Amino acid sequence: MHTDSTEPVTRTSSGSATRARILGAANELFYSHGIRATSADRIIEKVGITKVTFYRHFRTKSELVVAYLEEQAAAERAWMQSVRREGDPVGTLRALAADIGTASCRPGFRGCAFINAASEFADPDDPVRRAVDAHRRWMREEFAEVAAEAGVSDVDSTSRQLMILRDGAMVNGYLDDPKPIDESLAAAFISVIGR
């Protein structure tokens, strides 16, 4: 057995880079072609690795899909927290609407990664669906905080309404002309919180 002390660091660094490349390819392919339509072999080919290397990082495709969704969730949480304007619920909702409108206008926009994943994994006990549900619960909690800041009487109902509006905007941005989404979504958000 080789005992060079730099070997584990190199392997870990290389392993992290390979894992990131796999997730990057999965992100691109899952989002643009669908999760079930994208085989592990297609990802392996895109990354340029062996099956052994792929399965060393992700034992199953389901494990990769969950990692992909967790990465998407982390990015969305960071984004939502970056546009939060403490004490200014209207400002927060306007910023969220503007960013959703901007995202909807991006080339290659195909809607919400979580809605897309949920449409492919109907079983509520599937690990993929549990990852979707966990992120959506977090989003509703964020909307509940905004609703509470706005002083609404029924925070739970309002947070669900805000989530429905967000979901509708994401689907509309994919299926329809995305340009007017930010203004329409901001107006709908603000009407729900009664401002």
N, C-alpha and C. Protein backbone atom coordinates (compact mmCIF):
# COMPACT_ATOMS: atom_id res chain seq x y z
N MET A 1 0.84 -1.18 0.00
CA MET A 1 0.00 0.00 0.00
C MET A 1 0.89 1.24 0.00
N HIS A 2 0.56 2.18 -0.87
CA HIS A 2 1.31 3.43 -0.97
C HIS A 2 0.90 4.35 0.18
N THR A 3 1.86 4.97 0.85
CA THR A 3 1.54 5.80 2.02
C THR A 3 1.90 7.26 1.85
N ASP A 4 2.08 7.72 0.63
CA ASP A 4 2.38 9.14 0.39
C ASP A 4 1.24 9.98 0.98
N SER A 5 1.57 10.91 1.85
CA SER A 5 0.54 11.68 2.55
C SER A 5 -0.23 12.61 1.64
N THR A 6 0.27 12.89 0.45
CA THR A 6 -0.48 13.76 -0.46
C THR A 6 -1.53 13.00 -1.26
N GLU A 7 -1.45 11.71 -1.30
CA GLU A 7 -2.38 10.94 -2.11
C GLU A 7 -3.84 11.12 -1.71
N PRO A 8 -4.22 11.02 -0.42
CA PRO A 8 -5.62 11.19 -0.08
C PRO A 8 -6.15 12.58 -0.44
N VAL A 9 -5.34 13.61 -0.29
CA VAL A 9 -5.78 14.95 -0.63
C VAL A 9 -6.05 15.04 -2.12
N THR A 10 -5.16 14.50 -2.93
CA THR A 10 -5.34 14.51 -4.38
C THR A 10 -6.58 13.73 -4.76
N ARG A 11 -6.76 12.57 -4.19
CA ARG A 11 -7.92 11.75 -4.51
C ARG A 11 -9.20 12.47 -4.10
N THR A 12 -9.23 13.07 -2.92
CA THR A 12 -10.41 13.78 -2.47
C THR A 12 -10.71 14.96 -3.37
N SER A 13 -9.67 15.73 -3.70
CA SER A 13 -9.86 16.88 -4.58
C SER A 13 -10.36 16.43 -5.94
N SER A 14 -9.74 15.42 -6.49
CA SER A 14 -10.14 14.88 -7.78
C SER A 14 -11.55 14.31 -7.69
N GLY A 15 -11.84 13.62 -6.60
CA GLY A 15 -13.17 13.06 -6.40
C GLY A 15 -14.23 14.13 -6.31
N SER A 16 -13.93 15.21 -5.61
CA SER A 16 -14.88 16.33 -5.51
C SER A 16 -15.11 16.96 -6.87
N ALA A 17 -14.03 17.11 -7.63
CA ALA A 17 -14.15 17.70 -8.96
C ALA A 17 -14.98 16.81 -9.88
N THR A 18 -14.77 15.50 -9.79
CA THR A 18 -15.53 14.56 -10.61
C THR A 18 -17.00 14.59 -10.22
N ARG A 19 -17.26 14.58 -8.93
CA ARG A 19 -18.65 14.65 -8.45
C ARG A 19 -19.31 15.93 -8.96
N ALA A 20 -18.60 17.05 -8.91
CA ALA A 20 -19.14 18.32 -9.39
C ALA A 20 -19.42 18.26 -10.89
N ARG A 21 -18.54 17.61 -11.64
CA ARG A 21 -18.75 17.47 -13.09
C ARG A 21 -19.98 16.61 -13.38
N ILE A 22 -20.15 15.55 -12.60
CA ILE A 22 -21.32 14.69 -12.78
C ILE A 22 -22.59 15.49 -12.49
N LEU A 23 -22.58 16.22 -11.38
CA LEU A 23 -23.76 17.02 -11.03
C LEU A 23 -24.01 18.11 -12.06
N GLY A 24 -22.96 18.71 -12.59
CA GLY A 24 -23.13 19.74 -13.62
C GLY A 24 -23.79 19.17 -14.87
N ALA A 25 -23.33 18.00 -15.29
CA ALA A 25 -23.92 17.35 -16.47
C ALA A 25 -25.36 16.94 -16.18
N ALA A 26 -25.60 16.40 -14.99
CA ALA A 26 -26.96 16.00 -14.62
C ALA A 26 -27.88 17.22 -14.60
N ASN A 27 -27.40 18.31 -14.04
CA ASN A 27 -28.19 19.53 -13.99
C ASN A 27 -28.62 19.95 -15.39
N GLU A 28 -27.67 20.01 -16.28
CA GLU A 28 -27.96 20.42 -17.66
C GLU A 28 -28.93 19.45 -18.35
N LEU A 29 -28.63 18.17 -18.26
CA LEU A 29 -29.44 17.18 -18.97
C LEU A 29 -30.81 16.95 -18.33
N PHE A 30 -30.87 16.86 -17.01
CA PHE A 30 -32.16 16.68 -16.35
C PHE A 30 -33.08 17.86 -16.64
N TYR A 31 -32.53 19.06 -16.56
CA TYR A 31 -33.37 20.25 -16.74
C TYR A 31 -33.82 20.40 -18.19
N SER A 32 -32.94 20.14 -19.14
CA SER A 32 -33.31 20.37 -20.54
C SER A 32 -34.06 19.20 -21.18
N HIS A 33 -33.82 17.96 -20.71
CA HIS A 33 -34.44 16.80 -21.36
C HIS A 33 -35.39 16.01 -20.45
N GLY A 34 -35.37 16.27 -19.18
CA GLY A 34 -36.18 15.51 -18.24
C GLY A 34 -35.33 14.48 -17.51
N ILE A 35 -35.77 14.13 -16.32
CA ILE A 35 -34.99 13.21 -15.49
C ILE A 35 -35.08 11.78 -16.03
N ARG A 36 -36.27 11.31 -16.25
CA ARG A 36 -36.43 9.92 -16.71
C ARG A 36 -35.88 9.73 -18.12
N ALA A 37 -35.91 10.78 -18.93
CA ALA A 37 -35.41 10.68 -20.30
C ALA A 37 -33.88 10.70 -20.37
N THR A 38 -33.24 11.06 -19.27
CA THR A 38 -31.78 11.14 -19.23
C THR A 38 -31.23 9.93 -18.50
N SER A 39 -30.54 9.10 -19.22
CA SER A 39 -29.97 7.88 -18.62
C SER A 39 -28.65 8.18 -17.93
N ALA A 40 -28.29 7.32 -17.02
CA ALA A 40 -26.97 7.43 -16.38
C ALA A 40 -25.88 7.32 -17.44
N ASP A 41 -26.10 6.47 -18.44
CA ASP A 41 -25.11 6.32 -19.52
C ASP A 41 -24.88 7.64 -20.26
N ARG A 42 -25.95 8.39 -20.47
CA ARG A 42 -25.82 9.68 -21.15
C ARG A 42 -24.98 10.65 -20.33
N ILE A 43 -25.18 10.65 -19.03
CA ILE A 43 -24.40 11.52 -18.14
C ILE A 43 -22.95 11.07 -18.13
N ILE A 44 -22.74 9.77 -18.02
CA ILE A 44 -21.38 9.20 -18.02
C ILE A 44 -20.64 9.61 -19.29
N GLU A 45 -21.32 9.51 -20.43
CA GLU A 45 -20.72 9.89 -21.71
C GLU A 45 -20.39 11.38 -21.75
N LYS A 46 -21.32 12.20 -21.28
CA LYS A 46 -21.10 13.65 -21.31
C LYS A 46 -19.92 14.06 -20.43
N VAL A 47 -19.80 13.43 -19.28
CA VAL A 47 -18.71 13.76 -18.35
C VAL A 47 -17.39 13.14 -18.82
N GLY A 48 -17.47 12.02 -19.54
CA GLY A 48 -16.26 11.36 -20.01
C GLY A 48 -15.59 10.53 -18.94
N ILE A 49 -16.41 9.80 -18.19
CA ILE A 49 -15.90 8.94 -17.12
C ILE A 49 -16.39 7.52 -17.35
N THR A 50 -15.90 6.61 -16.53
CA THR A 50 -16.36 5.22 -16.62
C THR A 50 -17.58 5.02 -15.72
N LYS A 51 -18.28 3.93 -15.96
CA LYS A 51 -19.42 3.59 -15.10
C LYS A 51 -18.96 3.39 -13.66
N VAL A 52 -17.80 2.76 -13.51
CA VAL A 52 -17.27 2.53 -12.16
C VAL A 52 -17.09 3.86 -11.43
N THR A 53 -16.53 4.83 -12.12
CA THR A 53 -16.32 6.15 -11.50
C THR A 53 -17.67 6.79 -11.16
N PHE A 54 -18.61 6.72 -12.08
CA PHE A 54 -19.94 7.28 -11.83
C PHE A 54 -20.56 6.66 -10.58
N TYR A 55 -20.58 5.33 -10.54
CA TYR A 55 -21.23 4.64 -9.43
C TYR A 55 -20.43 4.72 -8.12
N ARG A 56 -19.20 5.11 -8.19
CA ARG A 56 -18.44 5.38 -6.98
C ARG A 56 -18.99 6.65 -6.30
N HIS A 57 -19.46 7.59 -7.10
CA HIS A 57 -19.98 8.85 -6.57
C HIS A 57 -21.49 8.78 -6.28
N PHE A 58 -22.21 8.05 -7.12
CA PHE A 58 -23.67 7.94 -6.97
C PHE A 58 -24.04 6.48 -7.20
N ARG A 59 -24.46 5.82 -6.13
CA ARG A 59 -24.75 4.39 -6.22
C ARG A 59 -25.94 4.08 -7.12
N THR A 60 -26.88 5.05 -7.20
CA THR A 60 -28.06 4.87 -8.05
C THR A 60 -28.36 6.19 -8.75
N LYS A 61 -29.15 6.10 -9.80
CA LYS A 61 -29.59 7.32 -10.48
C LYS A 61 -30.46 8.14 -9.53
N SER A 62 -31.26 7.48 -8.73
CA SER A 62 -32.12 8.17 -7.77
C SER A 62 -31.28 9.02 -6.82
N GLU A 63 -30.15 8.48 -6.38
CA GLU A 63 -29.25 9.23 -5.49
C GLU A 63 -28.71 10.48 -6.21
N LEU A 64 -28.42 10.35 -7.50
CA LEU A 64 -27.96 11.50 -8.28
C LEU A 64 -29.08 12.53 -8.42
N VAL A 65 -30.29 12.08 -8.67
CA VAL A 65 -31.42 13.01 -8.82
C VAL A 65 -31.64 13.78 -7.52
N VAL A 66 -31.56 13.10 -6.39
CA VAL A 66 -31.72 13.78 -5.10
C VAL A 66 -30.60 14.81 -4.90
N ALA A 67 -29.37 14.44 -5.24
CA ALA A 67 -28.25 15.38 -5.11
C ALA A 67 -28.46 16.60 -6.03
N TYR A 68 -28.94 16.36 -7.23
CA TYR A 68 -29.25 17.44 -8.17
C TYR A 68 -30.29 18.38 -7.57
N LEU A 69 -31.37 17.81 -7.00
CA LEU A 69 -32.42 18.64 -6.41
C LEU A 69 -31.92 19.38 -5.17
N GLU A 70 -31.08 18.73 -4.38
CA GLU A 70 -30.51 19.41 -3.21
C GLU A 70 -29.64 20.59 -3.63
N GLU A 71 -28.90 20.42 -4.72
CA GLU A 71 -28.10 21.52 -5.24
C GLU A 71 -29.00 22.65 -5.75
N GLN A 72 -30.08 22.30 -6.44
CA GLN A 72 -31.04 23.29 -6.90
C GLN A 72 -31.69 24.01 -5.71
N ALA A 73 -32.02 23.25 -4.68
CA ALA A 73 -32.65 23.82 -3.49
C ALA A 73 -31.71 24.80 -2.80
N ALA A 74 -30.46 24.45 -2.67
CA ALA A 74 -29.49 25.35 -2.03
C ALA A 74 -29.37 26.65 -2.81
N ALA A 75 -29.34 26.56 -4.14
CA ALA A 75 -29.25 27.77 -4.96
C ALA A 75 -30.50 28.61 -4.81
N GLU A 76 -31.66 27.98 -4.78
CA GLU A 76 -32.91 28.72 -4.66
C GLU A 76 -33.04 29.35 -3.27
N ARG A 77 -32.60 28.65 -2.24
CA ARG A 77 -32.64 29.22 -0.89
C ARG A 77 -31.74 30.44 -0.81
N ALA A 78 -30.54 30.34 -1.37
CA ALA A 78 -29.61 31.48 -1.36
C ALA A 78 -30.21 32.66 -2.11
N TRP A 79 -30.83 32.38 -3.25
CA TRP A 79 -31.45 33.45 -4.03
C TRP A 79 -32.60 34.10 -3.25
N MET A 80 -33.50 33.29 -2.70
CA MET A 80 -34.65 33.87 -1.99
C MET A 80 -34.18 34.68 -0.78
N GLN A 81 -33.17 34.20 -0.10
CA GLN A 81 -32.68 34.95 1.06
C GLN A 81 -31.96 36.22 0.63
N SER A 82 -31.36 36.21 -0.55
CA SER A 82 -30.65 37.41 -1.02
C SER A 82 -31.60 38.54 -1.41
N VAL A 83 -32.82 38.20 -1.79
CA VAL A 83 -33.77 39.25 -2.17
C VAL A 83 -34.70 39.66 -1.03
N ARG A 84 -34.59 38.97 0.09
CA ARG A 84 -35.42 39.33 1.26
C ARG A 84 -35.09 40.73 1.72
N ARG A 85 -36.11 41.49 1.96
CA ARG A 85 -35.96 42.83 2.51
C ARG A 85 -36.70 42.84 3.85
N GLU A 86 -35.94 42.58 4.90
CA GLU A 86 -36.52 42.48 6.24
C GLU A 86 -37.37 43.73 6.54
N GLY A 87 -38.60 43.48 6.99
CA GLY A 87 -39.49 44.58 7.34
C GLY A 87 -40.17 45.22 6.15
N ASP A 88 -39.91 44.74 4.94
CA ASP A 88 -40.50 45.30 3.73
C ASP A 88 -41.07 44.16 2.88
N PRO A 89 -42.23 43.60 3.29
CA PRO A 89 -42.78 42.46 2.56
C PRO A 89 -43.11 42.78 1.11
N VAL A 90 -43.59 43.99 0.85
CA VAL A 90 -43.91 44.38 -0.53
C VAL A 90 -42.62 44.41 -1.36
N GLY A 91 -41.56 44.98 -0.81
CA GLY A 91 -40.27 45.01 -1.50
C GLY A 91 -39.75 43.61 -1.78
N THR A 92 -39.91 42.71 -0.81
CA THR A 92 -39.48 41.32 -0.99
C THR A 92 -40.26 40.66 -2.13
N LEU A 93 -41.57 40.83 -2.11
CA LEU A 93 -42.40 40.19 -3.14
C LEU A 93 -42.13 40.78 -4.52
N ARG A 94 -41.91 42.08 -4.59
CA ARG A 94 -41.57 42.69 -5.88
C ARG A 94 -40.23 42.16 -6.40
N ALA A 95 -39.25 42.01 -5.51
CA ALA A 95 -37.94 41.50 -5.91
C ALA A 95 -38.05 40.04 -6.37
N LEU A 96 -38.82 39.23 -5.65
CA LEU A 96 -39.03 37.85 -6.06
C LEU A 96 -39.70 37.79 -7.44
N ALA A 97 -40.73 38.60 -7.64
CA ALA A 97 -41.45 38.61 -8.91
C ALA A 97 -40.53 39.05 -10.05
N ALA A 98 -39.73 40.08 -9.81
CA ALA A 98 -38.81 40.56 -10.85
C ALA A 98 -37.81 39.48 -11.24
N ASP A 99 -37.27 38.80 -10.24
CA ASP A 99 -36.29 37.75 -10.54
C ASP A 99 -36.92 36.54 -11.23
N ILE A 100 -38.14 36.19 -10.85
CA ILE A 100 -38.84 35.09 -11.53
C ILE A 100 -39.10 35.50 -12.98
N GLY A 101 -39.50 36.75 -13.19
CA GLY A 101 -39.70 37.24 -14.56
C GLY A 101 -38.42 37.19 -15.36
N THR A 102 -37.30 37.59 -14.76
CA THR A 102 -36.01 37.56 -15.45
C THR A 102 -35.61 36.13 -15.78
N ALA A 103 -35.77 35.22 -14.82
CA ALA A 103 -35.42 33.81 -15.05
C ALA A 103 -36.27 33.22 -16.18
N SER A 104 -37.54 33.61 -16.22
CA SER A 104 -38.45 33.08 -17.23
C SER A 104 -38.08 33.52 -18.64
N CYS A 105 -37.33 34.61 -18.75
CA CYS A 105 -36.93 35.12 -20.05
C CYS A 105 -35.60 34.55 -20.53
N ARG A 106 -34.92 33.79 -19.67
CA ARG A 106 -33.63 33.20 -20.06
C ARG A 106 -33.80 32.18 -21.17
N PRO A 107 -32.87 32.16 -22.11
CA PRO A 107 -32.91 31.09 -23.11
C PRO A 107 -32.80 29.73 -22.41
N GLY A 108 -33.58 28.78 -22.86
CA GLY A 108 -33.53 27.44 -22.28
C GLY A 108 -34.37 27.27 -21.03
N PHE A 109 -35.11 28.32 -20.61
CA PHE A 109 -35.95 28.20 -19.42
C PHE A 109 -37.01 27.14 -19.66
N ARG A 110 -37.12 26.19 -18.72
CA ARG A 110 -38.09 25.10 -18.84
C ARG A 110 -38.92 24.96 -17.57
N GLY A 111 -39.14 26.05 -16.87
CA GLY A 111 -39.96 26.00 -15.68
C GLY A 111 -39.16 25.65 -14.44
N CYS A 112 -39.88 25.32 -13.41
CA CYS A 112 -39.29 25.01 -12.10
C CYS A 112 -38.76 23.57 -12.07
N ALA A 113 -37.53 23.41 -11.69
CA ALA A 113 -36.92 22.07 -11.62
C ALA A 113 -37.69 21.16 -10.66
N PHE A 114 -38.27 21.73 -9.61
CA PHE A 114 -39.00 20.92 -8.62
C PHE A 114 -40.36 20.49 -9.13
N ILE A 115 -41.06 21.40 -9.81
CA ILE A 115 -42.34 21.02 -10.42
C ILE A 115 -42.09 19.96 -11.49
N ASN A 116 -41.04 20.17 -12.28
CA ASN A 116 -40.70 19.20 -13.32
C ASN A 116 -40.41 17.82 -12.72
N ALA A 117 -39.62 17.80 -11.65
CA ALA A 117 -39.29 16.52 -10.99
C ALA A 117 -40.53 15.87 -10.41
N ALA A 118 -41.39 16.67 -9.77
CA ALA A 118 -42.61 16.11 -9.18
C ALA A 118 -43.51 15.49 -10.24
N SER A 119 -43.52 16.08 -11.43
CA SER A 119 -44.36 15.52 -12.50
C SER A 119 -43.84 14.16 -12.97
N GLU A 120 -42.57 13.89 -12.75
CA GLU A 120 -41.99 12.61 -13.17
C GLU A 120 -41.98 11.56 -12.06
N PHE A 121 -42.16 11.99 -10.82
CA PHE A 121 -42.09 11.07 -9.68
C PHE A 121 -43.34 11.27 -8.81
N ALA A 122 -44.38 10.52 -9.12
CA ALA A 122 -45.66 10.70 -8.45
C ALA A 122 -45.72 10.09 -7.05
N ASP A 123 -44.93 9.05 -6.80
CA ASP A 123 -44.96 8.34 -5.52
C ASP A 123 -44.44 9.25 -4.41
N PRO A 124 -45.28 9.60 -3.43
CA PRO A 124 -44.83 10.50 -2.36
C PRO A 124 -43.73 9.92 -1.49
N ASP A 125 -43.52 8.61 -1.54
CA ASP A 125 -42.47 7.98 -0.74
C ASP A 125 -41.14 7.85 -1.48
N ASP A 126 -41.13 8.19 -2.75
CA ASP A 126 -39.90 8.13 -3.52
C ASP A 126 -38.92 9.18 -2.97
N PRO A 127 -37.65 8.85 -2.84
CA PRO A 127 -36.67 9.83 -2.33
C PRO A 127 -36.63 11.13 -3.14
N VAL A 128 -36.86 11.03 -4.43
CA VAL A 128 -36.88 12.23 -5.27
C VAL A 128 -38.05 13.11 -4.86
N ARG A 129 -39.20 12.52 -4.70
CA ARG A 129 -40.39 13.30 -4.33
C ARG A 129 -40.24 13.88 -2.92
N ARG A 130 -39.58 13.15 -2.02
CA ARG A 130 -39.35 13.69 -0.68
C ARG A 130 -38.44 14.90 -0.74
N ALA A 131 -37.45 14.88 -1.63
CA ALA A 131 -36.56 16.04 -1.80
C ALA A 131 -37.34 17.24 -2.34
N VAL A 132 -38.23 16.99 -3.29
CA VAL A 132 -39.08 18.06 -3.82
C VAL A 132 -39.95 18.63 -2.71
N ASP A 133 -40.60 17.74 -1.97
CA ASP A 133 -41.51 18.18 -0.91
C ASP A 133 -40.78 18.96 0.18
N ALA A 134 -39.59 18.54 0.54
CA ALA A 134 -38.82 19.24 1.57
C ALA A 134 -38.51 20.67 1.13
N HIS A 135 -38.12 20.84 -0.11
CA HIS A 135 -37.81 22.19 -0.59
C HIS A 135 -39.08 23.04 -0.68
N ARG A 136 -40.15 22.46 -1.11
CA ARG A 136 -41.40 23.23 -1.22
C ARG A 136 -41.91 23.64 0.17
N ARG A 137 -41.72 22.78 1.16
CA ARG A 137 -42.09 23.17 2.53
C ARG A 137 -41.27 24.37 2.97
N TRP A 138 -39.97 24.34 2.67
CA TRP A 138 -39.09 25.47 3.02
C TRP A 138 -39.59 26.75 2.34
N MET A 139 -39.95 26.64 1.07
CA MET A 139 -40.43 27.83 0.34
C MET A 139 -41.71 28.37 0.97
N ARG A 140 -42.63 27.48 1.33
CA ARG A 140 -43.87 27.94 1.98
C ARG A 140 -43.56 28.63 3.31
N GLU A 141 -42.57 28.11 4.04
CA GLU A 141 -42.17 28.76 5.29
C GLU A 141 -41.62 30.16 5.03
N GLU A 142 -40.85 30.31 3.96
CA GLU A 142 -40.35 31.64 3.59
C GLU A 142 -41.50 32.58 3.26
N PHE A 143 -42.46 32.09 2.48
CA PHE A 143 -43.63 32.90 2.15
C PHE A 143 -44.44 33.22 3.41
N ALA A 144 -44.48 32.28 4.35
CA ALA A 144 -45.19 32.53 5.61
C ALA A 144 -44.53 33.66 6.39
N GLU A 145 -43.19 33.70 6.39
CA GLU A 145 -42.49 34.80 7.06
C GLU A 145 -42.81 36.14 6.41
N VAL A 146 -42.86 36.17 5.10
CA VAL A 146 -43.20 37.41 4.39
C VAL A 146 -44.64 37.80 4.72
N ALA A 147 -45.54 36.83 4.73
CA ALA A 147 -46.95 37.11 5.06
C ALA A 147 -47.08 37.63 6.49
N ALA A 148 -46.32 37.05 7.42
CA ALA A 148 -46.35 37.52 8.81
C ALA A 148 -45.84 38.95 8.90
N GLU A 149 -44.77 39.27 8.15
CA GLU A 149 -44.27 40.65 8.13
C GLU A 149 -45.32 41.62 7.59
N ALA A 150 -46.16 41.13 6.68
CA ALA A 150 -47.20 41.98 6.09
C ALA A 150 -48.39 42.13 7.03
N GLY A 151 -48.42 41.34 8.11
CA GLY A 151 -49.49 41.45 9.09
C GLY A 151 -50.80 40.81 8.66
N VAL A 152 -50.74 39.83 7.76
CA VAL A 152 -51.98 39.16 7.34
C VAL A 152 -52.54 38.34 8.50
N SER A 153 -53.86 38.13 8.47
CA SER A 153 -54.48 37.42 9.58
C SER A 153 -54.31 35.90 9.49
N ASP A 154 -54.24 35.35 8.28
CA ASP A 154 -54.09 33.90 8.11
C ASP A 154 -52.79 33.63 7.34
N VAL A 155 -51.71 33.52 8.08
CA VAL A 155 -50.38 33.36 7.48
C VAL A 155 -50.29 32.08 6.66
N ASP A 156 -50.84 30.98 7.17
CA ASP A 156 -50.74 29.70 6.46
C ASP A 156 -51.45 29.76 5.11
N SER A 157 -52.67 30.25 5.10
CA SER A 157 -53.42 30.35 3.85
C SER A 157 -52.73 31.30 2.87
N THR A 158 -52.24 32.41 3.37
CA THR A 158 -51.57 33.38 2.51
C THR A 158 -50.28 32.80 1.93
N SER A 159 -49.53 32.06 2.74
CA SER A 159 -48.28 31.48 2.22
C SER A 159 -48.59 30.47 1.12
N ARG A 160 -49.68 29.73 1.27
CA ARG A 160 -50.06 28.77 0.22
C ARG A 160 -50.48 29.51 -1.06
N GLN A 161 -51.19 30.60 -0.90
CA GLN A 161 -51.59 31.39 -2.07
C GLN A 161 -50.37 31.98 -2.79
N LEU A 162 -49.41 32.47 -2.03
CA LEU A 162 -48.18 33.01 -2.63
C LEU A 162 -47.42 31.90 -3.37
N MET A 163 -47.41 30.71 -2.80
CA MET A 163 -46.74 29.58 -3.43
C MET A 163 -47.44 29.20 -4.73
N ILE A 164 -48.76 29.20 -4.71
CA ILE A 164 -49.52 28.88 -5.92
C ILE A 164 -49.23 29.91 -7.02
N LEU A 165 -49.17 31.17 -6.64
CA LEU A 165 -48.85 32.21 -7.62
C LEU A 165 -47.45 32.01 -8.19
N ARG A 166 -46.49 31.70 -7.33
CA ARG A 166 -45.12 31.46 -7.77
C ARG A 166 -45.07 30.28 -8.74
N ASP A 167 -45.76 29.19 -8.38
CA ASP A 167 -45.80 28.02 -9.24
C ASP A 167 -46.42 28.35 -10.59
N GLY A 168 -47.52 29.08 -10.56
CA GLY A 168 -48.18 29.46 -11.81
C GLY A 168 -47.29 30.32 -12.69
N ALA A 169 -46.55 31.23 -12.08
CA ALA A 169 -45.64 32.08 -12.84
C ALA A 169 -44.53 31.25 -13.49
N MET A 170 -44.01 30.27 -12.76
CA MET A 170 -42.96 29.42 -13.31
C MET A 170 -43.47 28.61 -14.51
N VAL A 171 -44.66 28.07 -14.40
CA VAL A 171 -45.23 27.31 -15.50
C VAL A 171 -45.57 28.24 -16.66
N ASN A 172 -46.15 29.39 -16.34
CA ASN A 172 -46.52 30.36 -17.37
C ASN A 172 -45.29 30.85 -18.13
N GLY A 173 -44.20 31.05 -17.42
CA GLY A 173 -42.97 31.51 -18.07
C GLY A 173 -42.44 30.51 -19.08
N TYR A 174 -42.73 29.26 -18.85
CA TYR A 174 -42.29 28.22 -19.78
C TYR A 174 -43.27 28.06 -20.94
N LEU A 175 -44.55 28.19 -20.66
CA LEU A 175 -45.57 27.90 -21.67
C LEU A 175 -46.05 29.11 -22.45
N ASP A 176 -45.83 30.30 -21.93
CA ASP A 176 -46.40 31.50 -22.52
C ASP A 176 -45.31 32.56 -22.67
N ASP A 177 -45.69 33.74 -23.05
CA ASP A 177 -44.73 34.85 -23.17
C ASP A 177 -44.27 35.24 -21.78
N PRO A 178 -42.98 35.06 -21.47
CA PRO A 178 -42.51 35.32 -20.11
C PRO A 178 -42.33 36.80 -19.77
N LYS A 179 -42.30 37.68 -20.75
CA LYS A 179 -41.96 39.08 -20.48
C LYS A 179 -42.86 39.76 -19.45
N PRO A 180 -44.19 39.62 -19.51
CA PRO A 180 -45.02 40.35 -18.53
C PRO A 180 -45.14 39.66 -17.16
N ILE A 181 -44.42 38.58 -16.95
CA ILE A 181 -44.60 37.82 -15.71
C ILE A 181 -44.27 38.64 -14.48
N ASP A 182 -43.16 39.37 -14.47
CA ASP A 182 -42.76 40.05 -13.24
C ASP A 182 -43.82 41.05 -12.79
N GLU A 183 -44.38 41.84 -13.69
CA GLU A 183 -45.39 42.82 -13.29
C GLU A 183 -46.67 42.13 -12.83
N SER A 184 -47.12 41.12 -13.57
CA SER A 184 -48.35 40.42 -13.21
C SER A 184 -48.18 39.68 -11.88
N LEU A 185 -47.03 39.03 -11.70
CA LEU A 185 -46.79 38.29 -10.47
C LEU A 185 -46.69 39.24 -9.28
N ALA A 186 -46.00 40.36 -9.44
CA ALA A 186 -45.88 41.32 -8.34
C ALA A 186 -47.26 41.83 -7.94
N ALA A 187 -48.10 42.16 -8.92
CA ALA A 187 -49.45 42.65 -8.61
C ALA A 187 -50.26 41.58 -7.89
N ALA A 188 -50.15 40.32 -8.33
CA ALA A 188 -50.89 39.24 -7.68
C ALA A 188 -50.37 39.00 -6.26
N PHE A 189 -49.06 38.96 -6.09
CA PHE A 189 -48.48 38.80 -4.76
C PHE A 189 -49.01 39.87 -3.81
N ILE A 190 -48.95 41.12 -4.25
CA ILE A 190 -49.32 42.23 -3.39
C ILE A 190 -50.81 42.23 -3.07
N SER A 191 -51.63 41.81 -4.04
CA SER A 191 -53.07 41.74 -3.75
C SER A 191 -53.36 40.66 -2.71
N VAL A 192 -52.60 39.57 -2.72
CA VAL A 192 -52.81 38.49 -1.76
C VAL A 192 -52.49 38.96 -0.33
N ILE A 193 -51.47 39.79 -0.19
CA ILE A 193 -51.15 40.25 1.17
C ILE A 193 -51.94 41.52 1.55
N GLY A 194 -52.80 41.96 0.64
CA GLY A 194 -53.71 43.06 0.96
C GLY A 194 -53.04 44.41 1.04
N ARG A 195 -52.06 44.66 0.20
CA ARG A 195 -51.38 45.98 0.21
C ARG A 195 -51.68 46.72 -1.05
